[in-house]
Amino acid sequence: MTIPTIEYRGYELRAYSHQEFPLHRDPYANGLRKFSSVVRIESIQPSNVKPRRYGTVFAGTTPGNDMDAIDLAMQYGKDIVDGKVQANEL
């Protein structure tokens, strides 16, 4: 398994996605499967600051597969670094 990673403005962004099952997390239940993701932001420069993790907030749409969730997480991480989004850490 590879973890998608990019460098952006002095930070390393890593995105993780996972599938959420409906109805009490039962994988055999009927219903749409939803994907969610987490973005991890870490400074590239050596420091003793811990990496920050954020749950991705999807505005108006939910991703249909894991790659879409990762793409949205990377964009969300870029928006956090740029200061466009004020997010709460996990």
PDB file of N, CA and C in Angstrom:
ATOM      1  N   MET A   1       0.833  -1.161   0.000  1.00  0.00           N
ATOM      2  CA  MET A   1       0.000   0.000   0.000  1.00  0.00           C
ATOM      3  C   MET A   1       0.890   1.240   0.000  1.00  0.00           C
ATOM      4  N   THR A   2       0.601   2.169  -0.864  1.00  0.00           N
ATOM      5  CA  THR A   2       1.339   3.420  -0.894  1.00  0.00           C
ATOM      6  C   THR A   2       0.470   4.534  -0.327  1.00  0.00           C
ATOM      7  N   ILE A   3       1.120   5.491   0.281  1.00  0.00           N
ATOM      8  CA  ILE A   3       0.414   6.635   0.843  1.00  0.00           C
ATOM      9  C   ILE A   3       0.704   7.830  -0.055  1.00  0.00           C
ATOM     10  N   PRO A   4      -0.329   8.389  -0.690  1.00  0.00           N
ATOM     11  CA  PRO A   4      -0.112   9.550  -1.555  1.00  0.00           C
ATOM     12  C   PRO A   4       0.484  10.710  -0.755  1.00  0.00           C
ATOM     13  N   THR A   5       1.583  11.260  -1.260  1.00  0.00           N
ATOM     14  CA  THR A   5       2.302  12.327  -0.589  1.00  0.00           C
ATOM     15  C   THR A   5       2.707  13.380  -1.605  1.00  0.00           C
ATOM     16  N   ILE A   6       2.539  14.646  -1.237  1.00  0.00           N
ATOM     17  CA  ILE A   6       3.025  15.736  -2.078  1.00  0.00           C
ATOM     18  C   ILE A   6       3.717  16.765  -1.186  1.00  0.00           C
ATOM     19  N   GLU A   7       4.612  17.549  -1.797  1.00  0.00           N
ATOM     20  CA  GLU A   7       5.220  18.674  -1.110  1.00  0.00           C
ATOM     21  C   GLU A   7       4.530  19.930  -1.589  1.00  0.00           C
ATOM     22  N   TYR A   8       4.179  20.793  -0.640  1.00  0.00           N
ATOM     23  CA  TYR A   8       3.464  22.010  -0.983  1.00  0.00           C
ATOM     24  C   TYR A   8       3.887  23.128  -0.038  1.00  0.00           C
ATOM     25  N   ARG A   9       4.555  24.126  -0.576  1.00  0.00           N
ATOM     26  CA  ARG A   9       4.961  25.327   0.169  1.00  0.00           C
ATOM     27  C   ARG A   9       5.666  25.025   1.493  1.00  0.00           C
ATOM     28  N   GLY A  10       6.615  24.130   1.451  1.00  0.00           N
ATOM     29  CA  GLY A  10       7.389  23.815   2.651  1.00  0.00           C
ATOM     30  C   GLY A  10       6.750  22.803   3.577  1.00  0.00           C
ATOM     31  N   TYR A  11       5.666  22.199   3.150  1.00  0.00           N
ATOM     32  CA  TYR A  11       4.973  21.189   3.948  1.00  0.00           C
ATOM     33  C   TYR A  11       4.840  19.901   3.150  1.00  0.00           C
ATOM     34  N   GLU A  12       4.771  18.810   3.864  1.00  0.00           N
ATOM     35  CA  GLU A  12       4.502  17.513   3.252  1.00  0.00           C
ATOM     36  C   GLU A  12       3.064  17.148   3.591  1.00  0.00           C
ATOM     37  N   LEU A  13       2.270  16.899   2.560  1.00  0.00           N
ATOM     38  CA  LEU A  13       0.870  16.521   2.742  1.00  0.00           C
ATOM     39  C   LEU A  13       0.709  15.050   2.409  1.00  0.00           C
ATOM     40  N   ARG A  14       0.092  14.312   3.318  1.00  0.00           N
ATOM     41  CA  ARG A  14      -0.218  12.896   3.093  1.00  0.00           C
ATOM     42  C   ARG A  14      -1.711  12.717   3.273  1.00  0.00           C
ATOM     43  N   ALA A  15      -2.304  11.930   2.413  1.00  0.00           N
ATOM     44  CA  ALA A  15      -3.751  11.722   2.493  1.00  0.00           C
ATOM     45  C   ALA A  15      -4.053  10.241   2.669  1.00  0.00           C
ATOM     46  N   TYR A  16      -5.020   9.970   3.509  1.00  0.00           N
ATOM     47  CA  TYR A  16      -5.488   8.612   3.777  1.00  0.00           C
ATOM     48  C   TYR A  16      -6.998   8.595   3.557  1.00  0.00           C
ATOM     49  N   SER A  17      -7.487   7.566   2.910  1.00  0.00           N
ATOM     50  CA  SER A  17      -8.933   7.458   2.740  1.00  0.00           C
ATOM     51  C   SER A  17      -9.409   6.131   3.311  1.00  0.00           C
ATOM     52  N   HIS A  18     -10.673   6.110   3.670  1.00  0.00           N
ATOM     53  CA  HIS A  18     -11.282   4.855   4.119  1.00  0.00           C
ATOM     54  C   HIS A  18     -12.764   4.874   3.768  1.00  0.00           C
ATOM     55  N   GLN A  19     -13.298   3.685   3.685  1.00  0.00           N
ATOM     56  CA  GLN A  19     -14.696   3.523   3.312  1.00  0.00           C
ATOM     57  C   GLN A  19     -15.534   3.396   4.568  1.00  0.00           C
ATOM     58  N   GLU A  20     -16.632   4.134   4.609  1.00  0.00           N
ATOM     59  CA  GLU A  20     -17.557   4.054   5.738  1.00  0.00           C
ATOM     60  C   GLU A  20     -18.785   3.265   5.302  1.00  0.00           C
ATOM     61  N   PHE A  21     -19.154   2.318   6.099  1.00  0.00           N
ATOM     62  CA  PHE A  21     -20.315   1.493   5.796  1.00  0.00           C
ATOM     63  C   PHE A  21     -21.551   2.058   6.492  1.00  0.00           C
ATOM     64  N   PRO A  22     -22.711   1.946   5.858  1.00  0.00           N
ATOM     65  CA  PRO A  22     -23.940   2.441   6.492  1.00  0.00           C
ATOM     66  C   PRO A  22     -24.394   1.501   7.604  1.00  0.00           C
ATOM     67  N   LEU A  23     -25.313   1.981   8.377  1.00  0.00           N
ATOM     68  CA  LEU A  23     -25.979   1.171   9.405  1.00  0.00           C
ATOM     69  C   LEU A  23     -24.998   0.463  10.339  1.00  0.00           C
ATOM     70  N   HIS A  24     -24.480   1.197  11.250  1.00  0.00           N
ATOM     71  CA  HIS A  24     -23.632   0.641  12.309  1.00  0.00           C
ATOM     72  C   HIS A  24     -22.383  -0.057  11.782  1.00  0.00           C
ATOM     73  N   ARG A  25     -21.873   0.466  10.691  1.00  0.00           N
ATOM     74  CA  ARG A  25     -20.607  -0.025  10.125  1.00  0.00           C
ATOM     75  C   ARG A  25     -20.671  -1.488   9.670  1.00  0.00           C
ATOM     76  N   ASP A  26     -21.841  -1.948   9.285  1.00  0.00           N
ATOM     77  CA  ASP A  26     -22.019  -3.317   8.825  1.00  0.00           C
ATOM     78  C   ASP A  26     -21.666  -3.392   7.338  1.00  0.00           C
ATOM     79  N   PRO A  27     -20.608  -4.121   6.949  1.00  0.00           N
ATOM     80  CA  PRO A  27     -20.208  -4.170   5.539  1.00  0.00           C
ATOM     81  C   PRO A  27     -21.207  -4.889   4.635  1.00  0.00           C
ATOM     82  N   TYR A  28     -22.160  -5.631   5.206  1.00  0.00           N
ATOM     83  CA  TYR A  28     -23.134  -6.355   4.403  1.00  0.00           C
ATOM     84  C   TYR A  28     -24.478  -5.633   4.312  1.00  0.00           C
ATOM     85  N   ALA A  29     -24.597  -4.492   4.937  1.00  0.00           N
ATOM     86  CA  ALA A  29     -25.857  -3.744   4.924  1.00  0.00           C
ATOM     87  C   ALA A  29     -26.093  -3.113   3.555  1.00  0.00           C
ATOM     88  N   ASN A  30     -27.356  -2.957   3.215  1.00  0.00           N
ATOM     89  CA  ASN A  30     -27.705  -2.276   1.973  1.00  0.00           C
ATOM     90  C   ASN A  30     -27.503  -0.780   2.138  1.00  0.00           C
ATOM     91  N   GLY A  31     -27.202  -0.112   1.047  1.00  0.00           N
ATOM     92  CA  GLY A  31     -27.036   1.340   1.097  1.00  0.00           C
ATOM     93  C   GLY A  31     -25.752   1.770   0.430  1.00  0.00           C
ATOM     94  N   LEU A  32     -25.655   3.057   0.231  1.00  0.00           N
ATOM     95  CA  LEU A  32     -24.475   3.609  -0.424  1.00  0.00           C
ATOM     96  C   LEU A  32     -23.253   3.516   0.477  1.00  0.00           C
ATOM     97  N   ARG A  33     -22.126   3.209  -0.128  1.00  0.00           N
ATOM     98  CA  ARG A  33     -20.863   3.228   0.590  1.00  0.00           C
ATOM     99  C   ARG A  33     -20.306   4.635   0.472  1.00  0.00           C
ATOM    100  N   LYS A  34     -19.858   5.194   1.567  1.00  0.00           N
ATOM    101  CA  LYS A  34     -19.293   6.531   1.555  1.00  0.00           C
ATOM    102  C   LYS A  34     -17.810   6.452   1.858  1.00  0.00           C
ATOM    103  N   PHE A  35     -17.083   7.385   1.300  1.00  0.00           N
ATOM    104  CA  PHE A  35     -15.653   7.458   1.550  1.00  0.00           C
ATOM    105  C   PHE A  35     -15.339   8.738   2.305  1.00  0.00           C
ATOM    106  N   SER A  36     -14.412   8.652   3.210  1.00  0.00           N
ATOM    107  CA  SER A  36     -13.940   9.838   3.899  1.00  0.00           C
ATOM    108  C   SER A  36     -12.420   9.801   3.883  1.00  0.00           C
ATOM    109  N   SER A  37     -11.811  10.910   4.274  1.00  0.00           N
ATOM    110  CA  SER A  37     -10.359  10.965   4.213  1.00  0.00           C
ATOM    111  C   SER A  37      -9.806  11.863   5.303  1.00  0.00           C
ATOM    112  N   VAL A  38      -8.515  11.706   5.521  1.00  0.00           N
ATOM    113  CA  VAL A  38      -7.772  12.489   6.494  1.00  0.00           C
ATOM    114  C   VAL A  38      -6.525  12.999   5.787  1.00  0.00           C
ATOM    115  N   VAL A  39      -6.180  14.255   6.029  1.00  0.00           N
ATOM    116  CA  VAL A  39      -4.950  14.811   5.489  1.00  0.00           C
ATOM    117  C   VAL A  39      -4.006  15.093   6.653  1.00  0.00           C
ATOM    118  N   ARG A  40      -2.741  14.739   6.468  1.00  0.00           N
ATOM    119  CA  ARG A  40      -1.712  14.968   7.490  1.00  0.00           C
ATOM    120  C   ARG A  40      -0.749  16.004   6.935  1.00  0.00           C
ATOM    121  N   ILE A  41      -0.509  17.057   7.706  1.00  0.00           N
ATOM    122  CA  ILE A  41       0.366  18.142   7.274  1.00  0.00           C
ATOM    123  C   ILE A  41       1.562  18.185   8.213  1.00  0.00           C
ATOM    124  N   GLU A  42       2.760  18.084   7.616  1.00  0.00           N
ATOM    125  CA  GLU A  42       3.984  18.072   8.403  1.00  0.00           C
ATOM    126  C   GLU A  42       4.991  19.005   7.756  1.00  0.00           C
ATOM    127  N   SER A  43       5.728  19.752   8.567  1.00  0.00           N
ATOM    128  CA  SER A  43       6.748  20.655   8.055  1.00  0.00           C
ATOM    129  C   SER A  43       7.903  19.837   7.492  1.00  0.00           C
ATOM    130  N   ILE A  44       8.435  20.261   6.351  1.00  0.00           N
ATOM    131  CA  ILE A  44       9.562  19.558   5.749  1.00  0.00           C
ATOM    132  C   ILE A  44      10.841  19.835   6.538  1.00  0.00           C
ATOM    133  N   GLN A  45      10.965  21.042   7.060  1.00  0.00           N
ATOM    134  CA  GLN A  45      12.139  21.399   7.859  1.00  0.00           C
ATOM    135  C   GLN A  45      12.120  20.606   9.160  1.00  0.00           C
ATOM    136  N   PRO A  46      13.282  20.090   9.568  1.00  0.00           N
ATOM    137  CA  PRO A  46      13.323  19.350  10.834  1.00  0.00           C
ATOM    138  C   PRO A  46      12.889  20.236  11.996  1.00  0.00           C
ATOM    139  N   SER A  47      11.946  19.779  12.749  1.00  0.00           N
ATOM    140  CA  SER A  47      11.484  20.514  13.924  1.00  0.00           C
ATOM    141  C   SER A  47      10.870  19.536  14.899  1.00  0.00           C
ATOM    142  N   ASN A  48      10.617  20.012  16.091  1.00  0.00           N
ATOM    143  CA  ASN A  48       9.986  19.140  17.092  1.00  0.00           C
ATOM    144  C   ASN A  48       8.485  19.384  17.175  1.00  0.00           C
ATOM    145  N   VAL A  49       7.923  20.017  16.155  1.00  0.00           N
ATOM    146  CA  VAL A  49       6.483  20.240  16.089  1.00  0.00           C
ATOM    147  C   VAL A  49       5.829  18.981  15.540  1.00  0.00           C
ATOM    148  N   LYS A  50       4.807  18.511  16.227  1.00  0.00           N
ATOM    149  CA  LYS A  50       4.118  17.296  15.787  1.00  0.00           C
ATOM    150  C   LYS A  50       3.317  17.562  14.517  1.00  0.00           C
ATOM    151  N   PRO A  51       3.207  16.569  13.642  1.00  0.00           N
ATOM    152  CA  PRO A  51       2.371  16.720  12.441  1.00  0.00           C
ATOM    153  C   PRO A  51       0.912  16.944  12.835  1.00  0.00           C
ATOM    154  N   ARG A  52       0.205  17.684  12.003  1.00  0.00           N
ATOM    155  CA  ARG A  52      -1.208  17.966  12.258  1.00  0.00           C
ATOM    156  C   ARG A  52      -2.057  17.084  11.346  1.00  0.00           C
ATOM    157  N   ARG A  53      -3.159  16.578  11.864  1.00  0.00           N
ATOM    158  CA  ARG A  53      -4.088  15.763  11.079  1.00  0.00           C
ATOM    159  C   ARG A  53      -5.458  16.418  11.082  1.00  0.00           C
ATOM    160  N   TYR A  54      -6.101  16.391   9.911  1.00  0.00           N
ATOM    161  CA  TYR A  54      -7.413  17.008   9.753  1.00  0.00           C
ATOM    162  C   TYR A  54      -8.334  16.057   9.015  1.00  0.00           C
ATOM    163  N   GLY A  55      -9.563  15.924   9.488  1.00  0.00           N
ATOM    164  CA  GLY A  55     -10.591  15.189   8.765  1.00  0.00           C
ATOM    165  C   GLY A  55     -11.089  16.071   7.630  1.00  0.00           C
ATOM    166  N   THR A  56     -11.158  15.529   6.438  1.00  0.00           N
ATOM    167  CA  THR A  56     -11.579  16.305   5.280  1.00  0.00           C
ATOM    168  C   THR A  56     -13.062  16.626   5.360  1.00  0.00           C
ATOM    169  N   VAL A  57     -13.408  17.872   5.074  1.00  0.00           N
ATOM    170  CA  VAL A  57     -14.787  18.315   5.031  1.00  0.00           C
ATOM    171  C   VAL A  57     -15.175  18.449   3.562  1.00  0.00           C
ATOM    172  N   PHE A  58     -16.166  17.694   3.136  1.00  0.00           N
ATOM    173  CA  PHE A  58     -16.602  17.722   1.743  1.00  0.00           C
ATOM    174  C   PHE A  58     -17.746  18.705   1.605  1.00  0.00           C
ATOM    175  N   ALA A  59     -17.561  19.710   0.791  1.00  0.00           N
ATOM    176  CA  ALA A  59     -18.580  20.749   0.597  1.00  0.00           C
ATOM    177  C   ALA A  59     -19.459  20.399  -0.592  1.00  0.00           C
ATOM    178  N   GLY A  60     -20.690  20.027  -0.328  1.00  0.00           N
ATOM    179  CA  GLY A  60     -21.669  19.811  -1.384  1.00  0.00           C
ATOM    180  C   GLY A  60     -21.613  18.472  -2.084  1.00  0.00           C
ATOM    181  N   THR A  61     -20.547  17.720  -1.943  1.00  0.00           N
ATOM    182  CA  THR A  61     -20.449  16.436  -2.631  1.00  0.00           C
ATOM    183  C   THR A  61     -19.688  15.448  -1.762  1.00  0.00           C
ATOM    184  N   THR A  62     -19.983  14.189  -1.940  1.00  0.00           N
ATOM    185  CA  THR A  62     -19.212  13.149  -1.270  1.00  0.00           C
ATOM    186  C   THR A  62     -18.508  12.337  -2.343  1.00  0.00           C
ATOM    187  N   PRO A  63     -17.289  11.935  -2.103  1.00  0.00           N
ATOM    188  CA  PRO A  63     -16.547  11.190  -3.115  1.00  0.00           C
ATOM    189  C   PRO A  63     -17.133   9.800  -3.331  1.00  0.00           C
ATOM    190  N   GLY A  64     -17.075   9.355  -4.576  1.00  0.00           N
ATOM    191  CA  GLY A  64     -17.617   8.057  -4.932  1.00  0.00           C
ATOM    192  C   GLY A  64     -16.625   6.926  -4.845  1.00  0.00           C
ATOM    193  N   ASN A  65     -15.327   7.265  -4.733  1.00  0.00           N
ATOM    194  CA  ASN A  65     -14.312   6.227  -4.594  1.00  0.00           C
ATOM    195  C   ASN A  65     -13.135   6.771  -3.787  1.00  0.00           C
ATOM    196  N   ASP A  66     -12.179   5.899  -3.495  1.00  0.00           N
ATOM    197  CA  ASP A  66     -11.079   6.303  -2.629  1.00  0.00           C
ATOM    198  C   ASP A  66     -10.156   7.327  -3.273  1.00  0.00           C
ATOM    199  N   MET A  67      -9.957   7.266  -4.572  1.00  0.00           N
ATOM    200  CA  MET A  67      -9.077   8.229  -5.242  1.00  0.00           C
ATOM    201  C   MET A  67      -9.676   9.638  -5.217  1.00  0.00           C
ATOM    202  N   ASP A  68     -10.985   9.736  -5.387  1.00  0.00           N
ATOM    203  CA  ASP A  68     -11.637  11.046  -5.287  1.00  0.00           C
ATOM    204  C   ASP A  68     -11.497  11.604  -3.875  1.00  0.00           C
ATOM    205  N   ALA A  69     -11.618  10.742  -2.869  1.00  0.00           N
ATOM    206  CA  ALA A  69     -11.474  11.181  -1.483  1.00  0.00           C
ATOM    207  C   ALA A  69     -10.058  11.687  -1.218  1.00  0.00           C
ATOM    208  N   ILE A  70      -9.065  11.020  -1.786  1.00  0.00           N
ATOM    209  CA  ILE A  70      -7.673  11.448  -1.606  1.00  0.00           C
ATOM    210  C   ILE A  70      -7.422  12.775  -2.312  1.00  0.00           C
ATOM    211  N   ASP A  71      -7.940  12.923  -3.529  1.00  0.00           N
ATOM    212  CA  ASP A  71      -7.779  14.185  -4.260  1.00  0.00           C
ATOM    213  C   ASP A  71      -8.402  15.347  -3.492  1.00  0.00           C
ATOM    214  N   LEU A  72      -9.584  15.134  -2.953  1.00  0.00           N
ATOM    215  CA  LEU A  72     -10.240  16.182  -2.171  1.00  0.00           C
ATOM    216  C   LEU A  72      -9.476  16.477  -0.881  1.00  0.00           C
ATOM    217  N   ALA A  73      -8.886  15.457  -0.271  1.00  0.00           N
ATOM    218  CA  ALA A  73      -8.096  15.663   0.940  1.00  0.00           C
ATOM    219  C   ALA A  73      -6.850  16.492   0.651  1.00  0.00           C
ATOM    220  N   MET A  74      -6.194  16.217  -0.475  1.00  0.00           N
ATOM    221  CA  MET A  74      -5.007  16.992  -0.847  1.00  0.00           C
ATOM    222  C   MET A  74      -5.373  18.461  -1.079  1.00  0.00           C
ATOM    223  N   GLN A  75      -6.478  18.702  -1.755  1.00  0.00           N
ATOM    224  CA  GLN A  75      -6.905  20.077  -1.991  1.00  0.00           C
ATOM    225  C   GLN A  75      -7.263  20.767  -0.672  1.00  0.00           C
ATOM    226  N   TYR A  76      -7.903  20.030   0.220  1.00  0.00           N
ATOM    227  CA  TYR A  76      -8.253  20.562   1.536  1.00  0.00           C
ATOM    228  C   TYR A  76      -6.988  20.926   2.310  1.00  0.00           C
ATOM    229  N   GLY A  77      -5.973  20.067   2.237  1.00  0.00           N
ATOM    230  CA  GLY A  77      -4.701  20.352   2.895  1.00  0.00           C
ATOM    231  C   GLY A  77      -4.032  21.598   2.327  1.00  0.00           C
ATOM    232  N   LYS A  78      -4.090  21.759   1.011  1.00  0.00           N
ATOM    233  CA  LYS A  78      -3.519  22.964   0.382  1.00  0.00           C
ATOM    234  C   LYS A  78      -4.256  24.208   0.857  1.00  0.00           C
ATOM    235  N   ASP A  79      -5.571  24.113   0.960  1.00  0.00           N
ATOM    236  CA  ASP A  79      -6.365  25.251   1.436  1.00  0.00           C
ATOM    237  C   ASP A  79      -6.021  25.602   2.887  1.00  0.00           C
ATOM    238  N   ILE A  80      -5.736  24.599   3.701  1.00  0.00           N
ATOM    239  CA  ILE A  80      -5.338  24.842   5.090  1.00  0.00           C
ATOM    240  C   ILE A  80      -3.993  25.554   5.128  1.00  0.00           C
ATOM    241  N   VAL A  81      -3.031  25.079   4.348  1.00  0.00           N
ATOM    242  CA  VAL A  81      -1.697  25.691   4.307  1.00  0.00           C
ATOM    243  C   VAL A  81      -1.793  27.138   3.808  1.00  0.00           C
ATOM    244  N   ASP A  82      -2.644  27.387   2.812  1.00  0.00           N
ATOM    245  CA  ASP A  82      -2.793  28.726   2.253  1.00  0.00           C
ATOM    246  C   ASP A  82      -3.584  29.655   3.163  1.00  0.00           C
ATOM    247  N   GLY A  83      -4.238  29.117   4.188  1.00  0.00           N
ATOM    248  CA  GLY A  83      -5.014  29.934   5.102  1.00  0.00           C
ATOM    249  C   GLY A  83      -6.419  30.225   4.625  1.00  0.00           C
ATOM    250  N   LYS A  84      -6.880  29.507   3.605  1.00  0.00           N
ATOM    251  CA  LYS A  84      -8.238  29.700   3.083  1.00  0.00           C
ATOM    252  C   LYS A  84      -9.288  29.037   3.973  1.00  0.00           C
ATOM    253  N   VAL A  85      -8.865  28.029   4.737  1.00  0.00           N
ATOM    254  CA  VAL A  85      -9.783  27.244   5.566  1.00  0.00           C
ATOM    255  C   VAL A  85      -9.256  27.216   6.987  1.00  0.00           C
ATOM    256  N   GLN A  86     -10.116  27.451   7.933  1.00  0.00           N
ATOM    257  CA  GLN A  86      -9.776  27.295   9.353  1.00  0.00           C
ATOM    258  C   GLN A  86     -10.335  25.942   9.801  1.00  0.00           C
ATOM    259  N   ALA A  87      -9.451  24.981  10.007  1.00  0.00           N
ATOM    260  CA  ALA A  87      -9.897  23.632  10.315  1.00  0.00           C
ATOM    261  C   ALA A  87      -9.484  23.248  11.741  1.00  0.00           C
ATOM    262  N   ASN A  88     -10.219  22.325  12.316  1.00  0.00           N
ATOM    263  CA  ASN A  88      -9.893  21.784  13.644  1.00  0.00           C
ATOM    264  C   ASN A  88      -9.118  20.494  13.486  1.00  0.00           C
ATOM    265  N   GLU A  89      -8.048  20.381  14.267  1.00  0.00           N
ATOM    266  CA  GLU A  89      -7.239  19.161  14.210  1.00  0.00           C
ATOM    267  C   GLU A  89      -8.000  17.980  14.812  1.00  0.00           C
ATOM    268  N   LEU A  90      -7.623  16.803  14.381  1.00  0.00           N
ATOM    269  CA  LEU A  90      -8.192  15.570  14.971  1.00  0.00           C
ATOM    270  C   LEU A  90      -7.532  15.287  16.288  1.00  0.00           C
TER     271      LEU A  90
END
